Amino acid sequence: MTKLEQEILDIINCTICGKYIGKLKVNILNDKSECGDICYKPHDTVYELRLYLDREFTPIVFSYEGTEDEFKEFIREEIRKRKLEKTRFFKINLECLVPDDEELTDDWDE
């Protein structure tokens, strides 16, 4: 975990008054080749936070263009605004929930 990711984790934990146990990833995009058309100036920095709450493949993504300190304040406000402290985090059950073929019947209407 990078220093910025640890700082963001501390901000999340402080904001939700709890402990975030999900996975998170912070990406820093510095030039136009990395961030595409969203960067308008050569020296813009785009910060992207991916929170994998209970979703392994579809995280919540927060993006912000500006300085690192502004990004941290943005994350604090977004966590409050979205009320993520009410979310409970859990692991995905990877067991198959569909019964075997022999258990399926053609009587779906009954």
Protein backbone atom coordinates (compact mmCIF):
# COMPACT_ATOMS: atom_id res chain seq x y z
CA MET A 1 0.00 0.00 0.00
CA THR A 2 1.39 3.39 -0.98
CA LYS A 3 1.62 6.36 1.37
CA LEU A 4 -1.27 8.10 -0.41
CA GLU A 5 -3.44 4.96 -0.21
CA GLN A 6 -2.72 4.72 3.54
CA GLU A 7 -3.66 8.38 4.00
CA ILE A 8 -6.90 7.84 2.05
CA LEU A 9 -7.66 4.75 4.17
CA ASP A 10 -7.15 6.83 7.33
CA ILE A 11 -9.50 9.52 5.95
CA ILE A 12 -12.15 6.90 5.16
CA ASN A 13 -11.86 5.29 8.61
CA CYS A 14 -12.09 8.66 10.34
CA THR A 15 -15.05 9.77 8.22
CA ILE A 16 -17.10 6.60 8.67
CA CYS A 17 -16.10 6.25 12.34
CA GLY A 18 -15.24 2.64 11.68
CA LYS A 19 -12.82 0.44 9.82
CA TYR A 20 -12.91 -0.02 6.05
CA ILE A 21 -11.97 -3.64 5.35
CA GLY A 22 -12.40 -3.68 1.58
CA LYS A 23 -9.75 -3.29 -1.07
CA LEU A 24 -8.82 0.15 -2.39
CA LYS A 25 -6.53 1.41 -5.15
CA VAL A 26 -5.35 4.95 -5.95
CA ASN A 27 -4.16 5.74 -9.48
CA ILE A 28 -2.37 8.98 -10.34
CA LEU A 29 -2.59 10.01 -13.99
CA ASN A 30 -0.10 12.74 -14.91
CA ASP A 31 -0.04 13.18 -18.65
CA LYS A 32 -2.44 13.20 -21.58
CA SER A 33 -1.31 9.79 -22.82
CA GLU A 34 -2.43 8.22 -19.51
CA CYS A 35 -5.69 10.06 -18.92
CA GLY A 36 -6.86 10.79 -22.46
CA ASP A 37 -9.16 13.71 -23.18
CA ILE A 38 -9.97 14.41 -19.53
CA CYS A 39 -6.61 16.21 -19.13
CA TYR A 40 -6.68 19.62 -20.75
CA LYS A 41 -3.29 20.97 -19.65
CA PRO A 42 0.05 19.18 -19.81
CA HIS A 43 0.64 19.48 -16.06
CA ASP A 44 -2.80 18.45 -14.79
CA THR A 45 -2.93 15.57 -12.35
CA VAL A 46 -5.96 13.30 -12.16
CA TYR A 47 -6.39 11.21 -9.03
CA GLU A 48 -8.60 8.14 -9.15
CA LEU A 49 -9.73 6.15 -6.13
CA ARG A 50 -11.27 2.72 -6.60
CA LEU A 51 -13.16 1.30 -3.62
CA TYR A 52 -13.94 -2.39 -3.86
CA LEU A 53 -16.67 -2.43 -1.20
CA ASP A 54 -18.38 -5.77 -1.66
CA ARG A 55 -17.73 -5.94 -5.36
CA GLU A 56 -14.65 -7.73 -6.65
CA PHE A 57 -15.02 -6.61 -10.26
CA THR A 58 -17.07 -3.38 -10.15
CA PRO A 59 -15.63 -0.84 -7.75
CA ILE A 60 -16.95 2.60 -6.89
CA VAL A 61 -14.65 5.06 -8.66
CA PHE A 62 -13.95 8.62 -7.49
CA SER A 63 -11.95 10.84 -9.86
CA TYR A 64 -10.59 14.29 -9.12
CA GLU A 65 -8.41 16.70 -11.05
CA GLY A 66 -6.23 18.94 -8.88
CA THR A 67 -3.70 18.69 -6.08
CA GLU A 68 -3.21 15.84 -3.66
CA ASP A 69 -4.60 17.84 -0.72
CA GLU A 70 -7.69 18.83 -2.72
CA PHE A 71 -8.16 15.17 -3.66
CA LYS A 72 -8.08 14.13 0.02
CA GLU A 73 -10.71 16.74 0.93
CA PHE A 74 -12.80 15.66 -2.08
CA ILE A 75 -12.73 12.04 -0.85
CA ARG A 76 -13.75 13.13 2.67
CA GLU A 77 -16.73 15.06 1.30
CA GLU A 78 -17.79 12.28 -1.10
CA ILE A 79 -17.72 9.67 1.68
CA ARG A 80 -19.95 11.93 3.80
CA LYS A 81 -22.25 12.81 0.91
CA ARG A 82 -22.76 9.18 -0.15
CA LYS A 83 -23.18 8.04 3.48
CA LEU A 84 -20.84 5.11 3.05
CA GLU A 85 -20.73 4.64 6.83
CA LYS A 86 -24.11 2.91 6.46
CA THR A 87 -22.65 0.34 4.09
CA ARG A 88 -21.62 -3.01 5.52
CA PHE A 89 -18.68 -4.65 3.84
CA PHE A 90 -18.55 -8.37 3.18
CA LYS A 91 -16.73 -10.87 1.02
CA ILE A 92 -18.31 -12.29 -2.09
CA ASN A 93 -19.56 -15.83 -1.82
CA LEU A 94 -17.83 -17.66 -4.65
CA GLU A 95 -19.92 -20.82 -4.36
CA CYS A 96 -22.22 -21.69 -7.21
CA LEU A 97 -25.77 -20.61 -6.40
CA VAL A 98 -27.39 -22.37 -9.38
CA PRO A 99 -28.45 -25.97 -8.73
CA ASP A 100 -27.08 -28.81 -10.82
CA ASP A 101 -28.76 -29.52 -14.16
CA GLU A 102 -30.47 -32.62 -12.83
CA GLU A 103 -32.24 -30.53 -10.18
CA LEU A 104 -33.73 -28.16 -12.79
CA THR A 105 -37.18 -28.97 -14.06
CA ASP A 106 -39.25 -27.83 -17.00
CA ASP A 107 -42.17 -26.88 -14.73
CA TRP A 108 -41.27 -23.21 -14.23
CA ASP A 109 -44.89 -22.06 -14.43
CA GLU A 110 -46.07 -24.14 -11.47
